[in-house]
Structures are given as structure tokens and as C-alpha cells.
PDB file of N, CA and C in Angstrom:
ATOM      1  N   MET A   1       0.820  -1.191   0.000  1.00  0.00           N
ATOM      2  CA  MET A   1       0.000   0.000   0.000  1.00  0.00           C
ATOM      3  C   MET A   1       0.871   1.264   0.000  1.00  0.00           C
ATOM      4  N   LYS A   2       1.976   1.218   0.752  1.00  0.00           N
ATOM      5  CA  LYS A   2       2.882   2.358   0.809  1.00  0.00           C
ATOM      6  C   LYS A   2       3.522   2.607  -0.562  1.00  0.00           C
ATOM      7  N   ASN A   3       3.899   1.515  -1.255  1.00  0.00           N
ATOM      8  CA  ASN A   3       4.495   1.642  -2.584  1.00  0.00           C
ATOM      9  C   ASN A   3       3.492   2.201  -3.587  1.00  0.00           C
ATOM     10  N   LEU A   4       2.229   1.816  -3.455  1.00  0.00           N
ATOM     11  CA  LEU A   4       1.198   2.308  -4.361  1.00  0.00           C
ATOM     12  C   LEU A   4       1.008   3.810  -4.183  1.00  0.00           C
ATOM     13  N   LYS A   5       0.972   4.289  -2.945  1.00  0.00           N
ATOM     14  CA  LYS A   5       0.827   5.725  -2.691  1.00  0.00           C
ATOM     15  C   LYS A   5       2.021   6.497  -3.232  1.00  0.00           C
ATOM     16  N   LEU A   6       3.197   5.942  -3.036  1.00  0.00           N
ATOM     17  CA  LEU A   6       4.404   6.595  -3.540  1.00  0.00           C
ATOM     18  C   LEU A   6       4.395   6.650  -5.072  1.00  0.00           C
ATOM     19  N   PHE A   7       3.950   5.582  -5.699  1.00  0.00           N
ATOM     20  CA  PHE A   7       3.861   5.540  -7.164  1.00  0.00           C
ATOM     21  C   PHE A   7       2.855   6.565  -7.672  1.00  0.00           C
ATOM     22  N   ILE A   8       1.706   6.672  -7.043  1.00  0.00           N
ATOM     23  CA  ILE A   8       0.681   7.627  -7.466  1.00  0.00           C
ATOM     24  C   ILE A   8       1.184   9.058  -7.279  1.00  0.00           C
ATOM     25  N   LEU A   9       1.872   9.320  -6.187  1.00  0.00           N
ATOM     26  CA  LEU A   9       2.446  10.649  -5.963  1.00  0.00           C
ATOM     27  C   LEU A   9       3.483  10.986  -7.036  1.00  0.00           C
ATOM     28  N   ALA A  10       4.352  10.044  -7.339  1.00  0.00           N
ATOM     29  CA  ALA A  10       5.380  10.268  -8.365  1.00  0.00           C
ATOM     30  C   ALA A  10       4.735  10.487  -9.729  1.00  0.00           C
ATOM     31  N   LEU A  11       3.724   9.706 -10.060  1.00  0.00           N
ATOM     32  CA  LEU A  11       3.027   9.854 -11.340  1.00  0.00           C
ATOM     33  C   LEU A  11       2.342  11.217 -11.416  1.00  0.00           C
ATOM     34  N   GLY A  12       1.737  11.648 -10.324  1.00  0.00           N
ATOM     35  CA  GLY A  12       1.088  12.958 -10.296  1.00  0.00           C
ATOM     36  C   GLY A  12       2.078  14.093 -10.491  1.00  0.00           C
ATOM     37  N   LEU A  13       3.208  14.024  -9.817  1.00  0.00           N
ATOM     38  CA  LEU A  13       4.234  15.059  -9.979  1.00  0.00           C
ATOM     39  C   LEU A  13       4.795  15.077 -11.394  1.00  0.00           C
ATOM     40  N   PHE A  14       4.995  13.907 -11.967  1.00  0.00           N
ATOM     41  CA  PHE A  14       5.497  13.819 -13.339  1.00  0.00           C
ATOM     42  C   PHE A  14       4.496  14.442 -14.310  1.00  0.00           C
ATOM     43  N   THR A  15       3.213  14.147 -14.130  1.00  0.00           N
ATOM     44  CA  THR A  15       2.175  14.677 -15.013  1.00  0.00           C
ATOM     45  C   THR A  15       2.099  16.194 -14.913  1.00  0.00           C
ATOM     46  N   ILE A  16       2.180  16.722 -13.717  1.00  0.00           N
ATOM     47  CA  ILE A  16       2.146  18.175 -13.531  1.00  0.00           C
ATOM     48  C   ILE A  16       3.368  18.820 -14.173  1.00  0.00           C
ATOM     49  N   ASN A  17       4.523  18.190 -14.021  1.00  0.00           N
ATOM     50  CA  ASN A  17       5.761  18.727 -14.578  1.00  0.00           C
ATOM     51  C   ASN A  17       5.712  18.740 -16.098  1.00  0.00           C
ATOM     52  N   VAL A  18       5.226  17.681 -16.705  1.00  0.00           N
ATOM     53  CA  VAL A  18       5.165  17.592 -18.167  1.00  0.00           C
ATOM     54  C   VAL A  18       4.145  18.572 -18.718  1.00  0.00           C
ATOM     55  N   SER A  19       2.999  18.686 -18.076  1.00  0.00           N
ATOM     56  CA  SER A  19       1.961  19.585 -18.586  1.00  0.00           C
ATOM     57  C   SER A  19       2.336  21.053 -18.394  1.00  0.00           C
ATOM     58  N   ALA A  20       3.186  21.354 -17.428  1.00  0.00           N
ATOM     59  CA  ALA A  20       3.594  22.736 -17.182  1.00  0.00           C
ATOM     60  C   ALA A  20       4.748  23.167 -18.079  1.00  0.00           C
ATOM     61  N   ALA A  21       5.356  22.234 -18.781  1.00  0.00           N
ATOM     62  CA  ALA A  21       6.492  22.582 -19.633  1.00  0.00           C
ATOM     63  C   ALA A  21       6.035  23.514 -20.748  1.00  0.00           C
ATOM     64  N   ASP A  22       6.774  24.575 -20.945  1.00  0.00           N
ATOM     65  CA  ASP A  22       6.450  25.568 -21.954  1.00  0.00           C
ATOM     66  C   ASP A  22       7.331  25.312 -23.166  1.00  0.00           C
ATOM     67  N   PHE A  23       6.785  24.625 -24.167  1.00  0.00           N
ATOM     68  CA  PHE A  23       7.561  24.214 -25.328  1.00  0.00           C
ATOM     69  C   PHE A  23       7.096  25.003 -26.543  1.00  0.00           C
ATOM     70  N   HIS A  24       7.843  26.034 -26.881  1.00  0.00           N
ATOM     71  CA  HIS A  24       7.559  26.834 -28.055  1.00  0.00           C
ATOM     72  C   HIS A  24       8.862  27.024 -28.815  1.00  0.00           C
ATOM     73  N   PRO A  25       9.098  26.206 -29.854  1.00  0.00           N
ATOM     74  CA  PRO A  25      10.334  26.411 -30.617  1.00  0.00           C
ATOM     75  C   PRO A  25      10.308  27.773 -31.302  1.00  0.00           C
ATOM     76  N   ILE A  26      11.477  28.355 -31.429  1.00  0.00           N
ATOM     77  CA  ILE A  26      11.567  29.674 -32.042  1.00  0.00           C
ATOM     78  C   ILE A  26      12.171  29.573 -33.432  1.00  0.00           C
ATOM     79  N   LYS A  27      11.957  30.608 -34.205  1.00  0.00           N
ATOM     80  CA  LYS A  27      12.480  30.674 -35.565  1.00  0.00           C
ATOM     81  C   LYS A  27      13.942  31.090 -35.510  1.00  0.00           C
ATOM     82  N   PRO A  28      14.828  30.394 -36.229  1.00  0.00           N
ATOM     83  CA  PRO A  28      16.245  30.780 -36.194  1.00  0.00           C
ATOM     84  C   PRO A  28      16.480  32.127 -36.873  1.00  0.00           C
ATOM     85  N   THR A  29      17.569  32.772 -36.502  1.00  0.00           N
ATOM     86  CA  THR A  29      17.919  34.054 -37.103  1.00  0.00           C
ATOM     87  C   THR A  29      18.269  33.849 -38.578  1.00  0.00           C
ATOM     88  N   ASP A  30      18.259  34.926 -39.320  1.00  0.00           N
ATOM     89  CA  ASP A  30      18.573  34.839 -40.752  1.00  0.00           C
ATOM     90  C   ASP A  30      19.990  34.316 -40.984  1.00  0.00           C
ATOM     91  N   GLU A  31      20.934  34.739 -40.146  1.00  0.00           N
ATOM     92  CA  GLU A  31      22.322  34.286 -40.317  1.00  0.00           C
ATOM     93  C   GLU A  31      22.431  32.776 -40.113  1.00  0.00           C
ATOM     94  N   LEU A  32      21.751  32.265 -39.090  1.00  0.00           N
ATOM     95  CA  LEU A  32      21.778  30.828 -38.830  1.00  0.00           C
ATOM     96  C   LEU A  32      21.071  30.072 -39.937  1.00  0.00           C
ATOM     97  N   ARG A  33      19.951  30.594 -40.416  1.00  0.00           N
ATOM     98  CA  ARG A  33      19.214  29.938 -41.496  1.00  0.00           C
ATOM     99  C   ARG A  33      20.061  29.863 -42.762  1.00  0.00           C
ATOM    100  N   ILE A  34      20.744  30.933 -43.096  1.00  0.00           N
ATOM    101  CA  ILE A  34      21.606  30.950 -44.286  1.00  0.00           C
ATOM    102  C   ILE A  34      22.741  29.946 -44.134  1.00  0.00           C
ATOM    103  N   GLU A  35      23.310  29.859 -42.939  1.00  0.00           N
ATOM    104  CA  GLU A  35      24.398  28.911 -42.693  1.00  0.00           C
ATOM    105  C   GLU A  35      23.906  27.463 -42.837  1.00  0.00           C
ATOM    106  N   ILE A  36      22.703  27.185 -42.370  1.00  0.00           N
ATOM    107  CA  ILE A  36      22.139  25.831 -42.484  1.00  0.00           C
ATOM    108  C   ILE A  36      21.833  25.497 -43.934  1.00  0.00           C
ATOM    109  N   VAL A  37      21.296  26.458 -44.682  1.00  0.00           N
ATOM    110  CA  VAL A  37      21.011  26.233 -46.098  1.00  0.00           C
ATOM    111  C   VAL A  37      22.297  25.941 -46.858  1.00  0.00           C
ATOM    112  N   ASP A  38      23.383  26.637 -46.518  1.00  0.00           N
ATOM    113  CA  ASP A  38      24.675  26.369 -47.153  1.00  0.00           C
ATOM    114  C   ASP A  38      25.169  24.965 -46.825  1.00  0.00           C
ATOM    115  N   MET A  39      24.939  24.504 -45.587  1.00  0.00           N
ATOM    116  CA  MET A  39      25.343  23.144 -45.202  1.00  0.00           C
ATOM    117  C   MET A  39      24.575  22.084 -45.991  1.00  0.00           C
ATOM    118  N   ILE A  40      23.287  22.325 -46.182  1.00  0.00           N
ATOM    119  CA  ILE A  40      22.454  21.340 -46.889  1.00  0.00           C
ATOM    120  C   ILE A  40      22.864  21.260 -48.345  1.00  0.00           C
ATOM    121  N   GLY A  41      23.153  22.381 -48.957  1.00  0.00           N
ATOM    122  CA  GLY A  41      23.546  22.387 -50.367  1.00  0.00           C
ATOM    123  C   GLY A  41      22.323  22.440 -51.262  1.00  0.00           C
ATOM    124  N   SER A  42      22.561  22.673 -52.531  1.00  0.00           N
ATOM    125  CA  SER A  42      21.432  22.829 -53.452  1.00  0.00           C
ATOM    126  C   SER A  42      21.282  21.671 -54.430  1.00  0.00           C
ATOM    127  N   ASN A  43      22.342  21.000 -54.786  1.00  0.00           N
ATOM    128  CA  ASN A  43      22.216  19.983 -55.833  1.00  0.00           C
ATOM    129  C   ASN A  43      22.644  18.586 -55.391  1.00  0.00           C
ATOM    130  N   SER A  44      22.969  18.383 -54.140  1.00  0.00           N
ATOM    131  CA  SER A  44      23.452  17.075 -53.716  1.00  0.00           C
ATOM    132  C   SER A  44      22.332  16.103 -53.385  1.00  0.00           C
ATOM    133  N   MET A  45      21.069  16.522 -53.477  1.00  0.00           N
ATOM    134  CA  MET A  45      19.925  15.667 -53.183  1.00  0.00           C
ATOM    135  C   MET A  45      19.324  15.076 -54.446  1.00  0.00           C
ATOM    136  N   ASP A  46      19.885  15.362 -55.613  1.00  0.00           N
ATOM    137  CA  ASP A  46      19.256  14.967 -56.876  1.00  0.00           C
ATOM    138  C   ASP A  46      18.979  13.479 -56.983  1.00  0.00           C
ATOM    139  N   GLU A  47      19.922  12.636 -56.537  1.00  0.00           N
ATOM    140  CA  GLU A  47      19.716  11.201 -56.692  1.00  0.00           C
ATOM    141  C   GLU A  47      18.716  10.632 -55.692  1.00  0.00           C
ATOM    142  N   ILE A  48      18.466  11.345 -54.599  1.00  0.00           N
ATOM    143  CA  ILE A  48      17.519  10.856 -53.594  1.00  0.00           C
ATOM    144  C   ILE A  48      16.095  11.280 -53.941  1.00  0.00           C
ATOM    145  N   MET A  49      15.924  12.505 -54.387  1.00  0.00           N
ATOM    146  CA  MET A  49      14.589  13.005 -54.707  1.00  0.00           C
ATOM    147  C   MET A  49      14.159  12.519 -56.077  1.00  0.00           C
ATOM    148  N   ILE A  50      12.932  12.061 -56.169  1.00  0.00           N
ATOM    149  CA  ILE A  50      12.413  11.589 -57.446  1.00  0.00           C
ATOM    150  C   ILE A  50      11.970  12.796 -58.271  1.00  0.00           C
ATOM    151  N   THR A  51      10.893  13.414 -57.912  1.00  0.00           N
ATOM    152  CA  THR A  51      10.421  14.622 -58.588  1.00  0.00           C
ATOM    153  C   THR A  51       9.636  15.456 -57.599  1.00  0.00           C
ATOM    154  N   GLY A  52       9.341  16.658 -57.999  1.00  0.00           N
ATOM    155  CA  GLY A  52       8.445  17.490 -57.219  1.00  0.00           C
ATOM    156  C   GLY A  52       9.100  18.205 -56.062  1.00  0.00           C
ATOM    157  N   GLN A  53       8.262  18.486 -55.084  1.00  0.00           N
ATOM    158  CA  GLN A  53       8.672  19.292 -53.939  1.00  0.00           C
ATOM    159  C   GLN A  53       8.501  18.478 -52.667  1.00  0.00           C
ATOM    160  N   HIS A  54       9.477  18.562 -51.788  1.00  0.00           N
ATOM    161  CA  HIS A  54       9.417  17.864 -50.506  1.00  0.00           C
ATOM    162  C   HIS A  54       9.634  18.879 -49.400  1.00  0.00           C
ATOM    163  N   GLU A  55       8.873  18.723 -48.314  1.00  0.00           N
ATOM    164  CA  GLU A  55       8.968  19.648 -47.200  1.00  0.00           C
ATOM    165  C   GLU A  55       9.345  18.898 -45.936  1.00  0.00           C
ATOM    166  N   ALA A  56      10.025  19.592 -45.045  1.00  0.00           N
ATOM    167  CA  ALA A  56      10.417  19.014 -43.759  1.00  0.00           C
ATOM    168  C   ALA A  56      10.474  20.136 -42.723  1.00  0.00           C
ATOM    169  N   ASN A  57      10.186  19.787 -41.498  1.00  0.00           N
ATOM    170  CA  ASN A  57      10.350  20.691 -40.367  1.00  0.00           C
ATOM    171  C   ASN A  57      11.453  20.118 -39.494  1.00  0.00           C
ATOM    172  N   VAL A  58      12.541  20.851 -39.368  1.00  0.00           N
ATOM    173  CA  VAL A  58      13.691  20.390 -38.597  1.00  0.00           C
ATOM    174  C   VAL A  58      13.673  21.077 -37.237  1.00  0.00           C
ATOM    175  N   LEU A  59      13.634  20.267 -36.193  1.00  0.00           N
ATOM    176  CA  LEU A  59      13.681  20.758 -34.822  1.00  0.00           C
ATOM    177  C   LEU A  59      15.096  20.524 -34.315  1.00  0.00           C
ATOM    178  N   PHE A  60      15.777  21.600 -33.888  1.00  0.00           N
ATOM    179  CA  PHE A  60      17.171  21.456 -33.485  1.00  0.00           C
ATOM    180  C   PHE A  60      17.519  22.435 -32.382  1.00  0.00           C
ATOM    181  N   THR A  61      18.686  22.232 -31.798  1.00  0.00           N
ATOM    182  CA  THR A  61      19.245  23.141 -30.805  1.00  0.00           C
ATOM    183  C   THR A  61      20.727  23.319 -31.112  1.00  0.00           C
ATOM    184  N   VAL A  62      21.341  24.300 -30.482  1.00  0.00           N
ATOM    185  CA  VAL A  62      22.771  24.547 -30.649  1.00  0.00           C
ATOM    186  C   VAL A  62      23.409  24.376 -29.275  1.00  0.00           C
ATOM    187  N   ASN A  63      24.394  23.480 -29.181  1.00  0.00           N
ATOM    188  CA  ASN A  63      25.014  23.218 -27.881  1.00  0.00           C
ATOM    189  C   ASN A  63      26.126  24.231 -27.584  1.00  0.00           C
ATOM    190  N   SER A  64      26.800  24.059 -26.457  1.00  0.00           N
ATOM    191  CA  SER A  64      27.822  25.011 -26.031  1.00  0.00           C
ATOM    192  C   SER A  64      29.059  24.993 -26.927  1.00  0.00           C
ATOM    193  N   LYS A  65      29.239  23.929 -27.705  1.00  0.00           N
ATOM    194  CA  LYS A  65      30.371  23.856 -28.635  1.00  0.00           C
ATOM    195  C   LYS A  65      30.009  24.420 -30.006  1.00  0.00           C
ATOM    196  N   LYS A  66      28.865  25.096 -30.093  1.00  0.00           N
ATOM    197  CA  LYS A  66      28.340  25.668 -31.339  1.00  0.00           C
ATOM    198  C   LYS A  66      28.084  24.589 -32.393  1.00  0.00           C
ATOM    199  N   GLU A  67      27.582  23.446 -31.976  1.00  0.00           N
ATOM    200  CA  GLU A  67      27.221  22.362 -32.885  1.00  0.00           C
ATOM    201  C   GLU A  67      25.705  22.261 -32.958  1.00  0.00           C
ATOM    202  N   LEU A  68      25.196  22.025 -34.165  1.00  0.00           N
ATOM    203  CA  LEU A  68      23.769  21.774 -34.335  1.00  0.00           C
ATOM    204  C   LEU A  68      23.453  20.379 -33.820  1.00  0.00           C
ATOM    205  N   ILE A  69      22.415  20.253 -33.024  1.00  0.00           N
ATOM    206  CA  ILE A  69      21.941  18.957 -32.567  1.00  0.00           C
ATOM    207  C   ILE A  69      20.528  18.802 -33.113  1.00  0.00           C
ATOM    208  N   VAL A  70      20.341  17.916 -34.074  1.00  0.00           N
ATOM    209  CA  VAL A  70      19.033  17.693 -34.675  1.00  0.00           C
ATOM    210  C   VAL A  70      18.213  16.836 -33.725  1.00  0.00           C
ATOM    211  N   LEU A  71      17.080  17.372 -33.284  1.00  0.00           N
ATOM    212  CA  LEU A  71      16.198  16.650 -32.375  1.00  0.00           C
ATOM    213  C   LEU A  71      15.196  15.798 -33.141  1.00  0.00           C
ATOM    214  N   SER A  72      14.645  16.355 -34.216  1.00  0.00           N
ATOM    215  CA  SER A  72      13.726  15.575 -35.048  1.00  0.00           C
ATOM    216  C   SER A  72      13.594  16.229 -36.412  1.00  0.00           C
ATOM    217  N   VAL A  73      13.210  15.410 -37.383  1.00  0.00           N
ATOM    218  CA  VAL A  73      12.910  15.886 -38.721  1.00  0.00           C
ATOM    219  C   VAL A  73      11.535  15.342 -39.059  1.00  0.00           C
ATOM    220  N   ASP A  74      10.581  16.239 -39.233  1.00  0.00           N
ATOM    221  CA  ASP A  74       9.209  15.847 -39.519  1.00  0.00           C
ATOM    222  C   ASP A  74       8.958  15.960 -41.018  1.00  0.00           C
ATOM    223  N   THR A  75       8.913  14.819 -41.690  1.00  0.00           N
ATOM    224  CA  THR A  75       8.663  14.774 -43.123  1.00  0.00           C
ATOM    225  C   THR A  75       8.088  13.414 -43.468  1.00  0.00           C
ATOM    226  N   ASP A  76       7.477  13.331 -44.650  1.00  0.00           N
ATOM    227  CA  ASP A  76       6.940  12.046 -45.100  1.00  0.00           C
ATOM    228  C   ASP A  76       7.944  11.287 -45.963  1.00  0.00           C
ATOM    229  N   ASN A  77       9.081  11.888 -46.277  1.00  0.00           N
ATOM    230  CA  ASN A  77      10.102  11.272 -47.109  1.00  0.00           C
ATOM    231  C   ASN A  77      11.243  10.769 -46.208  1.00  0.00           C
ATOM    232  N   VAL A  78      11.383   9.458 -46.108  1.00  0.00           N
ATOM    233  CA  VAL A  78      12.380   8.855 -45.217  1.00  0.00           C
ATOM    234  C   VAL A  78      13.799   9.198 -45.669  1.00  0.00           C
ATOM    235  N   GLN A  79      14.028   9.218 -46.980  1.00  0.00           N
ATOM    236  CA  GLN A  79      15.368   9.545 -47.478  1.00  0.00           C
ATOM    237  C   GLN A  79      15.738  10.994 -47.171  1.00  0.00           C
ATOM    238  N   LEU A  80      14.769  11.891 -47.276  1.00  0.00           N
ATOM    239  CA  LEU A  80      15.022  13.296 -46.959  1.00  0.00           C
ATOM    240  C   LEU A  80      15.333  13.453 -45.467  1.00  0.00           C
ATOM    241  N   GLU A  81      14.628  12.721 -44.635  1.00  0.00           N
ATOM    242  CA  GLU A  81      14.882  12.768 -43.194  1.00  0.00           C
ATOM    243  C   GLU A  81      16.305  12.347 -42.866  1.00  0.00           C
ATOM    244  N   SER A  82      16.730  11.208 -43.397  1.00  0.00           N
ATOM    245  CA  SER A  82      18.083  10.740 -43.105  1.00  0.00           C
ATOM    246  C   SER A  82      19.133  11.657 -43.733  1.00  0.00           C
ATOM    247  N   TYR A  83      18.841  12.215 -44.904  1.00  0.00           N
ATOM    248  CA  TYR A  83      19.769  13.134 -45.556  1.00  0.00           C
ATOM    249  C   TYR A  83      19.979  14.391 -44.708  1.00  0.00           C
ATOM    250  N   LEU A  84      18.887  14.971 -44.211  1.00  0.00           N
ATOM    251  CA  LEU A  84      19.005  16.188 -43.404  1.00  0.00           C
ATOM    252  C   LEU A  84      19.724  15.917 -42.093  1.00  0.00           C
ATOM    253  N   LYS A  85      19.458  14.788 -41.472  1.00  0.00           N
ATOM    254  CA  LYS A  85      20.170  14.440 -40.238  1.00  0.00           C
ATOM    255  C   LYS A  85      21.662  14.267 -40.516  1.00  0.00           C
ATOM    256  N   TRP A  86      21.982  13.619 -41.625  1.00  0.00           N
ATOM    257  CA  TRP A  86      23.384  13.391 -41.981  1.00  0.00           C
ATOM    258  C   TRP A  86      24.097  14.711 -42.265  1.00  0.00           C
ATOM    259  N   LYS A  87      23.424  15.640 -42.944  1.00  0.00           N
ATOM    260  CA  LYS A  87      24.053  16.902 -43.319  1.00  0.00           C
ATOM    261  C   LYS A  87      24.174  17.895 -42.155  1.00  0.00           C
ATOM    262  N   LEU A  88      23.269  17.801 -41.149  1.00  0.00           N
ATOM    263  CA  LEU A  88      23.221  18.841 -40.131  1.00  0.00           C
ATOM    264  C   LEU A  88      23.684  18.413 -38.746  1.00  0.00           C
ATOM    265  N   ASN A  89      23.479  17.168 -38.371  1.00  0.00           N
ATOM    266  CA  ASN A  89      23.725  16.764 -36.990  1.00  0.00           C
ATOM    267  C   ASN A  89      25.200  16.880 -36.611  1.00  0.00           C
ATOM    268  N   TYR A  90      25.463  17.560 -35.527  1.00  0.00           N
ATOM    269  CA  TYR A  90      26.798  17.790 -34.947  1.00  0.00           C
ATOM    270  C   TYR A  90      27.730  18.575 -35.867  1.00  0.00           C
ATOM    271  N   LYS A  91      27.178  19.396 -36.744  1.00  0.00           N
ATOM    272  CA  LYS A  91      27.999  20.266 -37.583  1.00  0.00           C
ATOM    273  C   LYS A  91      28.170  21.614 -36.877  1.00  0.00           C
ATOM    274  N   LYS A  92      29.363  22.176 -36.979  1.00  0.00           N
ATOM    275  CA  LYS A  92      29.700  23.450 -36.334  1.00  0.00           C
ATOM    276  C   LYS A  92      29.028  24.617 -37.065  1.00  0.00           C
ATOM    277  N   VAL A  93      28.574  25.587 -36.272  1.00  0.00           N
ATOM    278  CA  VAL A  93      28.028  26.831 -36.809  1.00  0.00           C
ATOM    279  C   VAL A  93      28.699  27.996 -36.082  1.00  0.00           C
ATOM    280  N   HIS A  94      28.552  29.194 -36.614  1.00  0.00           N
ATOM    281  CA  HIS A  94      29.135  30.378 -35.990  1.00  0.00           C
ATOM    282  C   HIS A  94      28.165  31.048 -35.033  1.00  0.00           C
ATOM    283  N   PHE A  95      26.978  30.510 -34.915  1.00  0.00           N
ATOM    284  CA  PHE A  95      25.905  31.095 -34.107  1.00  0.00           C
ATOM    285  C   PHE A  95      26.032  30.666 -32.653  1.00  0.00           C
ATOM    286  N   ARG A  96      25.834  31.609 -31.745  1.00  0.00           N
ATOM    287  CA  ARG A  96      25.785  31.292 -30.311  1.00  0.00           C
ATOM    288  C   ARG A  96      24.396  31.703 -29.816  1.00  0.00           C
ATOM    289  N   PRO A  97      23.642  30.740 -29.263  1.00  0.00           N
ATOM    290  CA  PRO A  97      22.285  31.065 -28.800  1.00  0.00           C
ATOM    291  C   PRO A  97      22.316  32.023 -27.612  1.00  0.00           C
ATOM    292  N   SER A  98      21.256  32.810 -27.479  1.00  0.00           N
ATOM    293  CA  SER A  98      21.188  33.756 -26.363  1.00  0.00           C
ATOM    294  C   SER A  98      20.954  33.039 -25.041  1.00  0.00           C
ATOM    295  N   LYS A  99      20.252  31.889 -25.072  1.00  0.00           N
ATOM    296  CA  LYS A  99      20.029  31.087 -23.866  1.00  0.00           C
ATOM    297  C   LYS A  99      20.370  29.637 -24.184  1.00  0.00           C
ATOM    298  N   ASN A 100      20.932  28.937 -23.198  1.00  0.00           N
ATOM    299  CA  ASN A 100      21.189  27.512 -23.379  1.00  0.00           C
ATOM    300  C   ASN A 100      19.871  26.758 -23.442  1.00  0.00           C
ATOM    301  N   GLY A 101      19.805  25.781 -24.313  1.00  0.00           N
ATOM    302  CA  GLY A 101      18.621  24.943 -24.412  1.00  0.00           C
ATOM    303  C   GLY A 101      17.537  25.494 -25.311  1.00  0.00           C
ATOM    304  N   GLU A 102      17.791  26.581 -26.023  1.00  0.00           N
ATOM    305  CA  GLU A 102      16.777  27.093 -26.944  1.00  0.00           C
ATOM    306  C   GLU A 102      16.565  26.079 -28.064  1.00  0.00           C
ATOM    307  N   ILE A 103      15.318  25.858 -28.401  1.00  0.00           N
ATOM    308  CA  ILE A 103      14.964  24.911 -29.455  1.00  0.00           C
ATOM    309  C   ILE A 103      14.426  25.708 -30.634  1.00  0.00           C
ATOM    310  N   TYR A 104      14.946  25.395 -31.812  1.00  0.00           N
ATOM    311  CA  TYR A 104      14.595  26.107 -33.031  1.00  0.00           C
ATOM    312  C   TYR A 104      13.821  25.189 -33.964  1.00  0.00           C
ATOM    313  N   LEU A 105      12.913  25.787 -34.731  1.00  0.00           N
ATOM    314  CA  LEU A 105      12.144  25.057 -35.738  1.00  0.00           C
ATOM    315  C   LEU A 105      12.399  25.724 -37.078  1.00  0.00           C
ATOM    316  N   LEU A 106      12.948  24.951 -38.024  1.00  0.00           N
ATOM    317  CA  LEU A 106      13.260  25.473 -39.342  1.00  0.00           C
ATOM    318  C   LEU A 106      12.494  24.699 -40.394  1.00  0.00           C
ATOM    319  N   PRO A 107      11.514  25.327 -41.058  1.00  0.00           N
ATOM    320  CA  PRO A 107      10.841  24.639 -42.162  1.00  0.00           C
ATOM    321  C   PRO A 107      11.735  24.670 -43.400  1.00  0.00           C
ATOM    322  N   ILE A 108      11.834  23.512 -44.044  1.00  0.00           N
ATOM    323  CA  ILE A 108      12.684  23.378 -45.230  1.00  0.00           C
ATOM    324  C   ILE A 108      11.827  22.861 -46.380  1.00  0.00           C
ATOM    325  N   LYS A 109      12.015  23.482 -47.547  1.00  0.00           N
ATOM    326  CA  LYS A 109      11.301  23.087 -48.750  1.00  0.00           C
ATOM    327  C   LYS A 109      12.335  22.791 -49.820  1.00  0.00           C
ATOM    328  N   MET A 110      12.337  21.572 -50.344  1.00  0.00           N
ATOM    329  CA  MET A 110      13.294  21.192 -51.386  1.00  0.00           C
ATOM    330  C   MET A 110      12.539  20.885 -52.662  1.00  0.00           C
ATOM    331  N   VAL A 111      12.973  21.513 -53.750  1.00  0.00           N
ATOM    332  CA  VAL A 111      12.333  21.353 -55.043  1.00  0.00           C
ATOM    333  C   VAL A 111      13.342  20.820 -56.019  1.00  0.00           C
ATOM    334  N   LYS A 112      12.936  19.811 -56.783  1.00  0.00           N
ATOM    335  CA  LYS A 112      13.842  19.265 -57.799  1.00  0.00           C
ATOM    336  C   LYS A 112      13.581  19.935 -59.110  1.00  0.00           C
TER     337      LYS A 112
END
């Protein structure tokens, strides 16, 4: 009975903590966006993309070593997801975030 009460208390605290989290990714600055676009490149995706336009939302942060850390890539194209992770994850940038732990959301549109 004591373990059950402790479990319910822990679950309640966890639920309150998760629901109180304020998660609003911000838009990266123009300088950071330009640097990321340069990293991705313009013509190196030709063999992966079949035709048309593909979109992705990249959720990332910048750590204290000025490296991009890709948290997720939201897209319906699996090859585009792995390509963006390969091109961006742990790559150095010149940008230093104003606060540690800031999460950025960058929409990407690729057209063949």
C-alpha cells in the first residue's frame, strides 16, 4: 500500500511537470538559417529526390560547442529525413544562442 501511494504521488508530480512545460520552438535568425542552407547544399539531393517538392520541419538546438543537434525531422520522405540528419547533426556553426537549451524550428522546402 505504501508503494502504491508513492507511485501515485510520483506519477502525479510527473504529469504536472510535463503539462507545465512551456515548449515553443523559435524561428532561427537569418544568419543561422543561411548557414544551415549552405550546409544542406542545393544539388546534392538529386539522386535521392524523385520529382516534385518535398517539405520538412527540422527541430534542433545549438550546444555550447556551437554544434547543431538535430532533435527531429518531420517529413513524409524517409530519405530526406536521413539526408538532413546526416548533413546537419553535430555540424559546427558560428551562431551562439542567447540562452542555453533554446529549441529552433526550421521549415525546409526542397524542389527538384
